[in-house]
PDB file of N, CA and C in Angstrom:
ATOM      1  N   MET A   1      31.761 -39.688   4.708  1.00  0.00           N
ATOM      2  CA  MET A   1      32.409 -38.450   4.294  1.00  0.00           C
ATOM      3  C   MET A   1      31.731 -37.845   3.068  1.00  0.00           C
ATOM      4  N   GLU A   2      31.453 -38.705   2.072  1.00  0.00           N
ATOM      5  CA  GLU A   2      30.791 -38.257   0.849  1.00  0.00           C
ATOM      6  C   GLU A   2      29.434 -37.636   1.161  1.00  0.00           C
ATOM      7  N   LYS A   3      28.686 -38.260   2.069  1.00  0.00           N
ATOM      8  CA  LYS A   3      27.355 -37.785   2.440  1.00  0.00           C
ATOM      9  C   LYS A   3      27.426 -36.368   3.027  1.00  0.00           C
ATOM     10  N   THR A   4      28.393 -36.132   3.877  1.00  0.00           N
ATOM     11  CA  THR A   4      28.566 -34.822   4.500  1.00  0.00           C
ATOM     12  C   THR A   4      28.887 -33.763   3.444  1.00  0.00           C
ATOM     13  N   ARG A   5      29.712 -34.125   2.466  1.00  0.00           N
ATOM     14  CA  ARG A   5      30.071 -33.172   1.412  1.00  0.00           C
ATOM     15  C   ARG A   5      28.821 -32.757   0.626  1.00  0.00           C
ATOM     16  N   TRP A   6      27.948 -33.714   0.305  1.00  0.00           N
ATOM     17  CA  TRP A   6      26.733 -33.394  -0.437  1.00  0.00           C
ATOM     18  C   TRP A   6      25.800 -32.523   0.399  1.00  0.00           C
ATOM     19  N   HIS A   7      25.714 -32.816   1.683  1.00  0.00           N
ATOM     20  CA  HIS A   7      24.852 -32.001   2.552  1.00  0.00           C
ATOM     21  C   HIS A   7      25.364 -30.565   2.634  1.00  0.00           C
ATOM     22  N   ARG A   8      26.678 -30.407   2.696  1.00  0.00           N
ATOM     23  CA  ARG A   8      27.260 -29.057   2.720  1.00  0.00           C
ATOM     24  C   ARG A   8      26.966 -28.331   1.414  1.00  0.00           C
ATOM     25  N   ARG A   9      27.081 -29.056   0.317  1.00  0.00           N
ATOM     26  CA  ARG A   9      26.813 -28.428  -0.984  1.00  0.00           C
ATOM     27  C   ARG A   9      25.346 -28.037  -1.108  1.00  0.00           C
ATOM     28  N   ILE A  10      24.469 -28.883  -0.653  1.00  0.00           N
ATOM     29  CA  ILE A  10      23.036 -28.564  -0.692  1.00  0.00           C
ATOM     30  C   ILE A  10      22.772 -27.307   0.137  1.00  0.00           C
ATOM     31  N   ALA A  11      23.379 -27.220   1.299  1.00  0.00           N
ATOM     32  CA  ALA A  11      23.194 -26.041   2.155  1.00  0.00           C
ATOM     33  C   ALA A  11      23.739 -24.789   1.464  1.00  0.00           C
ATOM     34  N   GLN A  12      24.900 -24.896   0.830  1.00  0.00           N
ATOM     35  CA  GLN A  12      25.512 -23.760   0.129  1.00  0.00           C
ATOM     36  C   GLN A  12      24.634 -23.302  -1.042  1.00  0.00           C
ATOM     37  N   ILE A  13      24.138 -24.245  -1.822  1.00  0.00           N
ATOM     38  CA  ILE A  13      23.255 -23.906  -2.946  1.00  0.00           C
ATOM     39  C   ILE A  13      22.014 -23.192  -2.417  1.00  0.00           C
ATOM     40  N   GLY A  14      21.452 -23.710  -1.346  1.00  0.00           N
ATOM     41  CA  GLY A  14      20.265 -23.100  -0.746  1.00  0.00           C
ATOM     42  C   GLY A  14      20.511 -21.671  -0.305  1.00  0.00           C
ATOM     43  N   ARG A  15      21.671 -21.424   0.306  1.00  0.00           N
ATOM     44  CA  ARG A  15      21.996 -20.055   0.750  1.00  0.00           C
ATOM     45  C   ARG A  15      22.120 -19.098  -0.433  1.00  0.00           C
ATOM     46  N   VAL A  16      22.793 -19.551  -1.483  1.00  0.00           N
ATOM     47  CA  VAL A  16      22.966 -18.688  -2.664  1.00  0.00           C
ATOM     48  C   VAL A  16      21.614 -18.392  -3.310  1.00  0.00           C
ATOM     49  N   LEU A  17      20.760 -19.412  -3.439  1.00  0.00           N
ATOM     50  CA  LEU A  17      19.444 -19.207  -4.047  1.00  0.00           C
ATOM     51  C   LEU A  17      18.581 -18.273  -3.204  1.00  0.00           C
ATOM     52  N   GLU A  18      18.647 -18.401  -1.884  1.00  0.00           N
ATOM     53  CA  GLU A  18      17.875 -17.505  -1.015  1.00  0.00           C
ATOM     54  C   GLU A  18      18.383 -16.073  -1.101  1.00  0.00           C
ATOM     55  N   THR A  19      19.702 -15.904  -1.176  1.00  0.00           N
ATOM     56  CA  THR A  19      20.278 -14.563  -1.330  1.00  0.00           C
ATOM     57  C   THR A  19      19.813 -13.957  -2.648  1.00  0.00           C
ATOM     58  N   GLU A  20      19.882 -14.753  -3.704  1.00  0.00           N
ATOM     59  CA  GLU A  20      19.443 -14.282  -5.017  1.00  0.00           C
ATOM     60  C   GLU A  20      17.965 -13.895  -4.990  1.00  0.00           C
ATOM     61  N   ARG A  21      17.151 -14.715  -4.375  1.00  0.00           N
ATOM     62  CA  ARG A  21      15.718 -14.422  -4.291  1.00  0.00           C
ATOM     63  C   ARG A  21      15.474 -13.119  -3.530  1.00  0.00           C
ATOM     64  N   GLY A  22      16.217 -12.907  -2.439  1.00  0.00           N
ATOM     65  CA  GLY A  22      16.079 -11.663  -1.691  1.00  0.00           C
ATOM     66  C   GLY A  22      16.426 -10.448  -2.536  1.00  0.00           C
ATOM     67  N   VAL A  23      17.482 -10.570  -3.331  1.00  0.00           N
ATOM     68  CA  VAL A  23      17.882  -9.474  -4.214  1.00  0.00           C
ATOM     69  C   VAL A  23      16.790  -9.223  -5.254  1.00  0.00           C
ATOM     70  N   LEU A  24      16.270 -10.292  -5.845  1.00  0.00           N
ATOM     71  CA  LEU A  24      15.222 -10.154  -6.862  1.00  0.00           C
ATOM     72  C   LEU A  24      13.953  -9.538  -6.274  1.00  0.00           C
ATOM     73  N   ARG A  25      13.565  -9.987  -5.120  1.00  0.00           N
ATOM     74  CA  ARG A  25      12.333  -9.475  -4.504  1.00  0.00           C
ATOM     75  C   ARG A  25      12.474  -8.037  -4.037  1.00  0.00           C
ATOM     76  N   SER A  26      13.697  -7.633  -3.697  1.00  0.00           N
ATOM     77  CA  SER A  26      13.903  -6.260  -3.229  1.00  0.00           C
ATOM     78  C   SER A  26      13.988  -5.268  -4.381  1.00  0.00           C
ATOM     79  N   GLY A  27      14.159  -5.791  -5.602  1.00  0.00           N
ATOM     80  CA  GLY A  27      14.275  -4.911  -6.759  1.00  0.00           C
ATOM     81  C   GLY A  27      15.685  -4.423  -7.017  1.00  0.00           C
ATOM     82  N   ARG A  28      16.651  -4.912  -6.260  1.00  0.00           N
ATOM     83  CA  ARG A  28      18.049  -4.501  -6.442  1.00  0.00           C
ATOM     84  C   ARG A  28      18.710  -5.364  -7.535  1.00  0.00           C
ATOM     85  N   VAL A  29      18.141  -5.337  -8.712  1.00  0.00           N
ATOM     86  CA  VAL A  29      18.592  -6.201  -9.805  1.00  0.00           C
ATOM     87  C   VAL A  29      20.059  -5.955 -10.142  1.00  0.00           C
ATOM     88  N   ALA A  30      20.532  -4.740  -9.969  1.00  0.00           N
ATOM     89  CA  ALA A  30      21.928  -4.431 -10.264  1.00  0.00           C
ATOM     90  C   ALA A  30      22.877  -5.245  -9.386  1.00  0.00           C
ATOM     91  N   ASP A  31      22.412  -5.683  -8.225  1.00  0.00           N
ATOM     92  CA  ASP A  31      23.261  -6.475  -7.321  1.00  0.00           C
ATOM     93  C   ASP A  31      23.439  -7.910  -7.791  1.00  0.00           C
ATOM     94  N   LEU A  32      22.684  -8.325  -8.802  1.00  0.00           N
ATOM     95  CA  LEU A  32      22.795  -9.704  -9.286  1.00  0.00           C
ATOM     96  C   LEU A  32      24.163 -10.001  -9.884  1.00  0.00           C
ATOM     97  N   GLY A  33      24.800  -8.993 -10.439  1.00  0.00           N
ATOM     98  CA  GLY A  33      26.125  -9.193 -11.029  1.00  0.00           C
ATOM     99  C   GLY A  33      27.126  -9.731 -10.025  1.00  0.00           C
ATOM    100  N   ALA A  34      27.041  -9.239  -8.793  1.00  0.00           N
ATOM    101  CA  ALA A  34      27.958  -9.692  -7.751  1.00  0.00           C
ATOM    102  C   ALA A  34      27.719 -11.157  -7.382  1.00  0.00           C
ATOM    103  N   LEU A  35      26.503 -11.635  -7.586  1.00  0.00           N
ATOM    104  CA  LEU A  35      26.161 -13.023  -7.247  1.00  0.00           C
ATOM    105  C   LEU A  35      26.387 -13.998  -8.396  1.00  0.00           C
ATOM    106  N   ALA A  36      26.562 -13.490  -9.598  1.00  0.00           N
ATOM    107  CA  ALA A  36      26.545 -14.337 -10.793  1.00  0.00           C
ATOM    108  C   ALA A  36      27.557 -15.470 -10.762  1.00  0.00           C
ATOM    109  N   SER A  37      28.797 -15.188 -10.433  1.00  0.00           N
ATOM    110  CA  SER A  37      29.811 -16.249 -10.477  1.00  0.00           C
ATOM    111  C   SER A  37      29.567 -17.299  -9.395  1.00  0.00           C
ATOM    112  N   GLU A  38      29.170 -16.856  -8.210  1.00  0.00           N
ATOM    113  CA  GLU A  38      28.876 -17.803  -7.128  1.00  0.00           C
ATOM    114  C   GLU A  38      27.661 -18.663  -7.486  1.00  0.00           C
ATOM    115  N   ARG A  39      26.649 -18.043  -8.057  1.00  0.00           N
ATOM    116  CA  ARG A  39      25.442 -18.772  -8.468  1.00  0.00           C
ATOM    117  C   ARG A  39      25.797 -19.826  -9.509  1.00  0.00           C
ATOM    118  N   GLU A  40      26.561 -19.425 -10.500  1.00  0.00           N
ATOM    119  CA  GLU A  40      26.949 -20.355 -11.554  1.00  0.00           C
ATOM    120  C   GLU A  40      27.743 -21.532 -10.982  1.00  0.00           C
ATOM    121  N   ARG A  41      28.652 -21.230 -10.069  1.00  0.00           N
ATOM    122  CA  ARG A  41      29.483 -22.268  -9.467  1.00  0.00           C
ATOM    123  C   ARG A  41      28.640 -23.278  -8.693  1.00  0.00           C
ATOM    124  N   VAL A  42      27.772 -22.790  -7.811  1.00  0.00           N
ATOM    125  CA  VAL A  42      27.020 -23.722  -6.965  1.00  0.00           C
ATOM    126  C   VAL A  42      25.904 -24.427  -7.726  1.00  0.00           C
ATOM    127  N   LEU A  43      25.292 -23.750  -8.701  1.00  0.00           N
ATOM    128  CA  LEU A  43      24.250 -24.433  -9.460  1.00  0.00           C
ATOM    129  C   LEU A  43      24.829 -25.525 -10.352  1.00  0.00           C
ATOM    130  N   GLY A  44      26.095 -25.396 -10.698  1.00  0.00           N
ATOM    131  CA  GLY A  44      26.781 -26.467 -11.427  1.00  0.00           C
ATOM    132  C   GLY A  44      26.839 -27.746 -10.604  1.00  0.00           C
ATOM    133  N   TRP A  45      26.823 -27.603  -9.303  1.00  0.00           N
ATOM    134  CA  TRP A  45      26.843 -28.781  -8.418  1.00  0.00           C
ATOM    135  C   TRP A  45      25.558 -29.589  -8.515  1.00  0.00           C
ATOM    136  N   LEU A  46      24.438 -28.934  -8.847  1.00  0.00           N
ATOM    137  CA  LEU A  46      23.161 -29.646  -8.890  1.00  0.00           C
ATOM    138  C   LEU A  46      23.223 -30.863  -9.805  1.00  0.00           C
ATOM    139  N   SER A  47      23.867 -30.707 -10.941  1.00  0.00           N
ATOM    140  CA  SER A  47      23.936 -31.839 -11.872  1.00  0.00           C
ATOM    141  C   SER A  47      24.879 -32.934 -11.364  1.00  0.00           C
ATOM    142  N   ASP A  48      25.788 -32.597 -10.454  1.00  0.00           N
ATOM    143  CA  ASP A  48      26.723 -33.583  -9.908  1.00  0.00           C
ATOM    144  C   ASP A  48      26.164 -34.331  -8.704  1.00  0.00           C
ATOM    145  N   LEU A  49      25.124 -33.799  -8.095  1.00  0.00           N
ATOM    146  CA  LEU A  49      24.573 -34.439  -6.899  1.00  0.00           C
ATOM    147  C   LEU A  49      23.891 -35.749  -7.280  1.00  0.00           C
ATOM    148  N   PRO A  50      24.084 -36.778  -6.488  1.00  0.00           N
ATOM    149  CA  PRO A  50      23.414 -38.044  -6.779  1.00  0.00           C
ATOM    150  C   PRO A  50      21.898 -37.893  -6.664  1.00  0.00           C
ATOM    151  N   GLU A  51      21.173 -38.611  -7.502  1.00  0.00           N
ATOM    152  CA  GLU A  51      19.710 -38.552  -7.490  1.00  0.00           C
ATOM    153  C   GLU A  51      19.117 -39.396  -6.369  1.00  0.00           C
ATOM    154  N   THR A  52      19.857 -40.356  -5.900  1.00  0.00           N
ATOM    155  CA  THR A  52      19.331 -41.262  -4.881  1.00  0.00           C
ATOM    156  C   THR A  52      19.875 -40.862  -3.519  1.00  0.00           C
ATOM    157  N   GLY A  53      19.118 -41.203  -2.509  1.00  0.00           N
ATOM    158  CA  GLY A  53      19.512 -40.897  -1.141  1.00  0.00           C
ATOM    159  C   GLY A  53      18.296 -41.020  -0.250  1.00  0.00           C
ATOM    160  N   SER A  54      18.432 -40.511   0.942  1.00  0.00           N
ATOM    161  CA  SER A  54      17.330 -40.582   1.898  1.00  0.00           C
ATOM    162  C   SER A  54      16.156 -39.733   1.417  1.00  0.00           C
ATOM    163  N   GLU A  55      15.034 -39.918   2.041  1.00  0.00           N
ATOM    164  CA  GLU A  55      13.844 -39.133   1.708  1.00  0.00           C
ATOM    165  C   GLU A  55      14.114 -37.639   1.921  1.00  0.00           C
ATOM    166  N   LYS A  56      14.784 -37.315   3.024  1.00  0.00           N
ATOM    167  CA  LYS A  56      15.120 -35.909   3.308  1.00  0.00           C
ATOM    168  C   LYS A  56      16.023 -35.345   2.215  1.00  0.00           C
ATOM    169  N   TYR A  57      17.007 -36.126   1.802  1.00  0.00           N
ATOM    170  CA  TYR A  57      17.934 -35.692   0.753  1.00  0.00           C
ATOM    171  C   TYR A  57      17.159 -35.396  -0.544  1.00  0.00           C
ATOM    172  N   ARG A  58      16.255 -36.284  -0.928  1.00  0.00           N
ATOM    173  CA  ARG A  58      15.471 -36.088  -2.151  1.00  0.00           C
ATOM    174  C   ARG A  58      14.563 -34.858  -2.029  1.00  0.00           C
ATOM    175  N   ARG A  59      13.985 -34.647  -0.839  1.00  0.00           N
ATOM    176  CA  ARG A  59      13.166 -33.446  -0.620  1.00  0.00           C
ATOM    177  C   ARG A  59      14.018 -32.183  -0.727  1.00  0.00           C
ATOM    178  N   ASP A  60      15.224 -32.233  -0.156  1.00  0.00           N
ATOM    179  CA  ASP A  60      16.130 -31.084  -0.238  1.00  0.00           C
ATOM    180  C   ASP A  60      16.484 -30.765  -1.688  1.00  0.00           C
ATOM    181  N   LEU A  61      16.764 -31.801  -2.478  1.00  0.00           N
ATOM    182  CA  LEU A  61      17.068 -31.588  -3.895  1.00  0.00           C
ATOM    183  C   LEU A  61      15.874 -30.978  -4.624  1.00  0.00           C
ATOM    184  N   ALA A  62      14.696 -31.499  -4.364  1.00  0.00           N
ATOM    185  CA  ALA A  62      13.484 -30.974  -4.996  1.00  0.00           C
ATOM    186  C   ALA A  62      13.268 -29.515  -4.603  1.00  0.00           C
ATOM    187  N   ARG A  63      13.520 -29.179  -3.339  1.00  0.00           N
ATOM    188  CA  ARG A  63      13.372 -27.799  -2.859  1.00  0.00           C
ATOM    189  C   ARG A  63      14.354 -26.873  -3.571  1.00  0.00           C
ATOM    190  N   LEU A  64      15.599 -27.329  -3.751  1.00  0.00           N
ATOM    191  CA  LEU A  64      16.597 -26.512  -4.446  1.00  0.00           C
ATOM    192  C   LEU A  64      16.206 -26.283  -5.898  1.00  0.00           C
ATOM    193  N   ARG A  65      15.757 -27.322  -6.537  1.00  0.00           N
ATOM    194  CA  ARG A  65      15.360 -27.183  -7.943  1.00  0.00           C
ATOM    195  C   ARG A  65      14.167 -26.240  -8.075  1.00  0.00           C
ATOM    196  N   GLU A  66      13.244 -26.327  -7.146  1.00  0.00           N
ATOM    197  CA  GLU A  66      12.085 -25.426  -7.166  1.00  0.00           C
ATOM    198  C   GLU A  66      12.521 -23.981  -6.918  1.00  0.00           C
ATOM    199  N   SER A  67      13.448 -23.776  -5.991  1.00  0.00           N
ATOM    200  CA  SER A  67      13.972 -22.420  -5.724  1.00  0.00           C
ATOM    201  C   SER A  67      14.658 -21.862  -6.962  1.00  0.00           C
ATOM    202  N   ALA A  68      15.452 -22.689  -7.629  1.00  0.00           N
ATOM    203  CA  ALA A  68      16.138 -22.240  -8.846  1.00  0.00           C
ATOM    204  C   ALA A  68      15.111 -21.903  -9.932  1.00  0.00           C
ATOM    205  N   ARG A  69      14.063 -22.706 -10.053  1.00  0.00           N
ATOM    206  CA  ARG A  69      13.016 -22.455 -11.046  1.00  0.00           C
ATOM    207  C   ARG A  69      12.285 -21.142 -10.753  1.00  0.00           C
ATOM    208  N   ARG A  70      11.947 -20.906  -9.464  1.00  0.00           N
ATOM    209  CA  ARG A  70      11.260 -19.657  -9.090  1.00  0.00           C
ATOM    210  C   ARG A  70      12.131 -18.444  -9.378  1.00  0.00           C
ATOM    211  N   ASN A  71      13.413 -18.541  -9.038  1.00  0.00           N
ATOM    212  CA  ASN A  71      14.320 -17.422  -9.292  1.00  0.00           C
ATOM    213  C   ASN A  71      14.443 -17.159 -10.788  1.00  0.00           C
ATOM    214  N   SER A  72      14.503 -18.230 -11.577  1.00  0.00           N
ATOM    215  CA  SER A  72      14.573 -18.065 -13.036  1.00  0.00           C
ATOM    216  C   SER A  72      13.324 -17.379 -13.555  1.00  0.00           C
ATOM    217  N   ALA A  73      12.168 -17.731 -13.015  1.00  0.00           N
ATOM    218  CA  ALA A  73      10.921 -17.088 -13.429  1.00  0.00           C
ATOM    219  C   ALA A  73      10.953 -15.596 -13.093  1.00  0.00           C
ATOM    220  N   LEU A  74      11.473 -15.237 -11.915  1.00  0.00           N
ATOM    221  CA  LEU A  74      11.591 -13.820 -11.548  1.00  0.00           C
ATOM    222  C   LEU A  74      12.543 -13.088 -12.492  1.00  0.00           C
ATOM    223  N   LEU A  75      13.666 -13.732 -12.822  1.00  0.00           N
ATOM    224  CA  LEU A  75      14.624 -13.120 -13.745  1.00  0.00           C
ATOM    225  C   LEU A  75      13.991 -12.900 -15.119  1.00  0.00           C
ATOM    226  N   LYS A  76      13.245 -13.889 -15.590  1.00  0.00           N
ATOM    227  CA  LYS A  76      12.573 -13.743 -16.883  1.00  0.00           C
ATOM    228  C   LYS A  76      11.576 -12.593 -16.842  1.00  0.00           C
ATOM    229  N   ALA A  77      10.869 -12.449 -15.726  1.00  0.00           N
ATOM    230  CA  ALA A  77       9.909 -11.352 -15.593  1.00  0.00           C
ATOM    231  C   ALA A  77      10.621  -9.997 -15.618  1.00  0.00           C
ATOM    232  N   TYR A  78      11.770  -9.899 -14.945  1.00  0.00           N
ATOM    233  CA  TYR A  78      12.548  -8.660 -14.981  1.00  0.00           C
ATOM    234  C   TYR A  78      12.986  -8.342 -16.403  1.00  0.00           C
ATOM    235  N   ILE A  79      13.463  -9.348 -17.117  1.00  0.00           N
ATOM    236  CA  ILE A  79      13.921  -9.145 -18.491  1.00  0.00           C
ATOM    237  C   ILE A  79      12.767  -8.691 -19.367  1.00  0.00           C
ATOM    238  N   GLU A  80      11.623  -9.344 -19.232  1.00  0.00           N
ATOM    239  CA  GLU A  80      10.444  -8.971 -20.019  1.00  0.00           C
ATOM    240  C   GLU A  80      10.010  -7.547 -19.682  1.00  0.00           C
ATOM    241  N   GLY A  81      10.054  -7.176 -18.413  1.00  0.00           N
ATOM    242  CA  GLY A  81       9.715  -5.815 -18.003  1.00  0.00           C
ATOM    243  C   GLY A  81      10.681  -4.794 -18.578  1.00  0.00           C
ATOM    244  N   ALA A  82      11.962  -5.127 -18.585  1.00  0.00           N
ATOM    245  CA  ALA A  82      12.965  -4.214 -19.149  1.00  0.00           C
ATOM    246  C   ALA A  82      12.745  -4.038 -20.652  1.00  0.00           C
ATOM    247  N   ARG A  83      12.435  -5.135 -21.336  1.00  0.00           N
ATOM    248  CA  ARG A  83      12.153  -5.041 -22.783  1.00  0.00           C
ATOM    249  C   ARG A  83      10.936  -4.150 -23.039  1.00  0.00           C
ATOM    250  N   SER A  84       9.911  -4.331 -22.230  1.00  0.00           N
ATOM    251  CA  SER A  84       8.699  -3.538 -22.387  1.00  0.00           C
ATOM    252  C   SER A  84       8.985  -2.056 -22.132  1.00  0.00           C
ATOM    253  N   ALA A  85       9.747  -1.777 -21.089  1.00  0.00           N
ATOM    254  CA  ALA A  85      10.093  -0.386 -20.775  1.00  0.00           C
ATOM    255  C   ALA A  85      10.918   0.227 -21.898  1.00  0.00           C
ATOM    256  N   LEU A  86      11.862  -0.536 -22.441  1.00  0.00           N
ATOM    257  CA  LEU A  86      12.678  -0.033 -23.546  1.00  0.00           C
ATOM    258  C   LEU A  86      11.813   0.260 -24.767  1.00  0.00           C
ATOM    259  N   ALA A  87      10.866  -0.618 -25.058  1.00  0.00           N
ATOM    260  CA  ALA A  87       9.967  -0.402 -26.193  1.00  0.00           C
ATOM    261  C   ALA A  87       9.140   0.863 -25.990  1.00  0.00           C
ATOM    262  N   THR A  88       8.676   1.087 -24.757  1.00  0.00           N
ATOM    263  CA  THR A  88       7.884   2.284 -24.457  1.00  0.00           C
ATOM    264  C   THR A  88       8.726   3.544 -24.618  1.00  0.00           C
ATOM    265  N   VAL A  89       9.936   3.532 -24.098  1.00  0.00           N
ATOM    266  CA  VAL A  89      10.824   4.696 -24.204  1.00  0.00           C
ATOM    267  C   VAL A  89      11.168   4.962 -25.668  1.00  0.00           C
ATOM    268  N   THR A  90      11.411   3.910 -26.433  1.00  0.00           N
ATOM    269  CA  THR A  90      11.706   4.061 -27.858  1.00  0.00           C
ATOM    270  C   THR A  90      10.523   4.693 -28.584  1.00  0.00           C
ATOM    271  N   LEU A  91       9.328   4.229 -28.282  1.00  0.00           N
ATOM    272  CA  LEU A  91       8.122   4.786 -28.897  1.00  0.00           C
ATOM    273  C   LEU A  91       7.965   6.263 -28.544  1.00  0.00           C
ATOM    274  N   ILE A  92       8.194   6.586 -27.291  1.00  0.00           N
ATOM    275  CA  ILE A  92       8.095   7.991 -26.861  1.00  0.00           C
ATOM    276  C   ILE A  92       9.117   8.841 -27.598  1.00  0.00           C
ATOM    277  N   ASP A  93      10.349   8.338 -27.720  1.00  0.00           N
ATOM    278  CA  ASP A  93      11.386   9.079 -28.450  1.00  0.00           C
ATOM    279  C   ASP A  93      10.996   9.302 -29.906  1.00  0.00           C
ATOM    280  N   GLU A  94      10.435   8.263 -30.523  1.00  0.00           N
ATOM    281  CA  GLU A  94      10.026   8.390 -31.922  1.00  0.00           C
ATOM    282  C   GLU A  94       8.882   9.379 -32.081  1.00  0.00           C
ATOM    283  N   GLU A  95       7.925   9.353 -31.177  1.00  0.00           N
ATOM    284  CA  GLU A  95       6.763  10.237 -31.262  1.00  0.00           C
ATOM    285  C   GLU A  95       7.089  11.668 -30.866  1.00  0.00           C
ATOM    286  N   GLN A  96       8.161  11.852 -30.130  1.00  0.00           N
ATOM    287  CA  GLN A  96       8.526  13.199 -29.692  1.00  0.00           C
ATOM    288  C   GLN A  96       8.785  14.112 -30.886  1.00  0.00           C
ATOM    289  N   ALA A  97       9.271  13.538 -31.972  1.00  0.00           N
ATOM    290  CA  ALA A  97       9.525  14.343 -33.175  1.00  0.00           C
ATOM    291  C   ALA A  97       8.231  14.904 -33.749  1.00  0.00           C
ATOM    292  N   ASN A  98       7.104  14.250 -33.471  1.00  0.00           N
ATOM    293  CA  ASN A  98       5.816  14.707 -33.997  1.00  0.00           C
ATOM    294  C   ASN A  98       5.151  15.753 -33.103  1.00  0.00           C
ATOM    295  N   LEU A  99       5.700  15.967 -31.932  1.00  0.00           N
ATOM    296  CA  LEU A  99       5.114  16.951 -31.023  1.00  0.00           C
ATOM    297  C   LEU A  99       5.644  18.333 -31.348  1.00  0.00           C
ATOM    298  N   GLY A 100       4.835  19.304 -31.124  1.00  0.00           N
ATOM    299  CA  GLY A 100       5.318  20.655 -31.368  1.00  0.00           C
ATOM    300  C   GLY A 100       4.309  21.693 -30.920  1.00  0.00           C
ATOM    301  N   ALA A 101       4.706  22.905 -31.080  1.00  0.00           N
ATOM    302  CA  ALA A 101       3.830  24.031 -30.755  1.00  0.00           C
ATOM    303  C   ALA A 101       3.590  24.812 -32.037  1.00  0.00           C
ATOM    304  N   TYR A 102       2.442  25.435 -32.096  1.00  0.00           N
ATOM    305  CA  TYR A 102       2.070  26.149 -33.311  1.00  0.00           C
ATOM    306  C   TYR A 102       1.606  27.556 -32.966  1.00  0.00           C
ATOM    307  N   ALA A 103       1.924  28.490 -33.846  1.00  0.00           N
ATOM    308  CA  ALA A 103       1.510  29.883 -33.675  1.00  0.00           C
ATOM    309  C   ALA A 103       0.049  30.011 -34.097  1.00  0.00           C
ATOM    310  N   ARG A 104      -0.544  31.170 -33.818  1.00  0.00           N
ATOM    311  CA  ARG A 104      -1.950  31.402 -34.176  1.00  0.00           C
ATOM    312  C   ARG A 104      -2.197  31.246 -35.673  1.00  0.00           C
ATOM    313  N   ASP A 105      -1.170  31.552 -36.462  1.00  0.00           N
ATOM    314  CA  ASP A 105      -1.350  31.431 -37.915  1.00  0.00           C
ATOM    315  C   ASP A 105      -1.131  30.008 -38.421  1.00  0.00           C
ATOM    316  N   GLY A 106      -0.834  29.073 -37.512  1.00  0.00           N
ATOM    317  CA  GLY A 106      -0.656  27.673 -37.889  1.00  0.00           C
ATOM    318  C   GLY A 106       0.777  27.271 -38.177  1.00  0.00           C
ATOM    319  N   SER A 107       1.672  28.222 -38.161  1.00  0.00           N
ATOM    320  CA  SER A 107       3.074  27.877 -38.418  1.00  0.00           C
ATOM    321  C   SER A 107       3.679  27.214 -37.175  1.00  0.00           C
ATOM    322  N   ARG A 108       4.575  26.308 -37.459  1.00  0.00           N
ATOM    323  CA  ARG A 108       5.217  25.559 -36.364  1.00  0.00           C
ATOM    324  C   ARG A 108       6.232  26.445 -35.655  1.00  0.00           C
ATOM    325  N   ILE A 109       6.240  26.350 -34.330  1.00  0.00           N
ATOM    326  CA  ILE A 109       7.189  27.091 -33.509  1.00  0.00           C
ATOM    327  C   ILE A 109       8.202  26.087 -32.975  1.00  0.00           C
ATOM    328  N   THR A 110       9.460  26.396 -33.129  1.00  0.00           N
ATOM    329  CA  THR A 110      10.497  25.533 -32.593  1.00  0.00           C
ATOM    330  C   THR A 110      10.697  25.876 -31.132  1.00  0.00           C
ATOM    331  N   ALA A 111      10.535  24.866 -30.305  1.00  0.00           N
ATOM    332  CA  ALA A 111      10.683  25.088 -28.861  1.00  0.00           C
ATOM    333  C   ALA A 111      12.159  25.240 -28.526  1.00  0.00           C
ATOM    334  N   PRO A 112      12.468  26.168 -27.644  1.00  0.00           N
ATOM    335  CA  PRO A 112      13.871  26.318 -27.241  1.00  0.00           C
ATOM    336  C   PRO A 112      14.334  25.077 -26.466  1.00  0.00           C
ATOM    337  N   THR A 113      15.592  24.802 -26.557  1.00  0.00           N
ATOM    338  CA  THR A 113      16.161  23.668 -25.832  1.00  0.00           C
ATOM    339  C   THR A 113      16.205  24.008 -24.348  1.00  0.00           C
ATOM    340  N   ALA A 114      15.729  23.089 -23.556  1.00  0.00           N
ATOM    341  CA  ALA A 114      15.720  23.307 -22.104  1.00  0.00           C
ATOM    342  C   ALA A 114      17.143  23.256 -21.573  1.00  0.00           C
ATOM    343  N   THR A 115      17.412  24.124 -20.629  1.00  0.00           N
ATOM    344  CA  THR A 115      18.722  24.098 -19.984  1.00  0.00           C
ATOM    345  C   THR A 115      18.531  23.818 -18.506  1.00  0.00           C
ATOM    346  N   SER A 116      19.483  23.196 -17.934  1.00  0.00           N
ATOM    347  CA  SER A 116      19.417  22.848 -16.535  1.00  0.00           C
ATOM    348  C   SER A 116      19.754  24.059 -15.674  1.00  0.00           C
ATOM    349  N   THR A 117      19.033  24.201 -14.598  1.00  0.00           N
ATOM    350  CA  THR A 117      19.334  25.308 -13.673  1.00  0.00           C
ATOM    351  C   THR A 117      20.064  24.800 -12.435  1.00  0.00           C
ATOM    352  N   THR A 118      20.432  23.515 -12.478  1.00  0.00           N
ATOM    353  CA  THR A 118      21.140  22.949 -11.335  1.00  0.00           C
ATOM    354  C   THR A 118      22.619  23.220 -11.477  1.00  0.00           C
ATOM    355  N   ARG A 119      23.246  23.541 -10.385  1.00  0.00           N
ATOM    356  CA  ARG A 119      24.682  23.782 -10.392  1.00  0.00           C
ATOM    357  C   ARG A 119      25.365  22.770  -9.509  1.00  0.00           C
ATOM    358  N   LYS A 120      26.482  22.311  -9.977  1.00  0.00           N
ATOM    359  CA  LYS A 120      27.276  21.372  -9.158  1.00  0.00           C
ATOM    360  C   LYS A 120      28.294  22.178  -8.396  1.00  0.00           C
ATOM    361  N   LYS A 121      28.418  21.867  -7.133  1.00  0.00           N
ATOM    362  CA  LYS A 121      29.413  22.537  -6.306  1.00  0.00           C
ATOM    363  C   LYS A 121      30.598  21.613  -6.146  1.00  0.00           C
ATOM    364  N   ALA A 122      31.757  22.188  -6.090  1.00  0.00           N
ATOM    365  CA  ALA A 122      32.978  21.386  -5.944  1.00  0.00           C
ATOM    366  C   ALA A 122      33.076  20.752  -4.599  1.00  0.00           C
TER     367      ALA A 122
END
């Protein structure tokens, strides 16, 4: 009975990790929030699983740990990319104050504020 429970848990962890990987690879990072509680729950099982067992069982555990490691690497890459993008946008915002237009006599011209020409319909 115990053996069957561990096999079911291994299968469940594998499904969650594969779903997470699919979300990460598709770029739908916003969908990760919906998976977070399930991921946390099933990955908590990894530490409870016995280390000993059949060769297949040990291979399955190694595969799950590798999947979790790969997904973590993808998440770290997304975070690093988001930080880089934020730094770039911040730099652009800071430099925007230095941009301007100048008249023939060298005086600075204040650009009019752009207005949207899009209209929302009810």
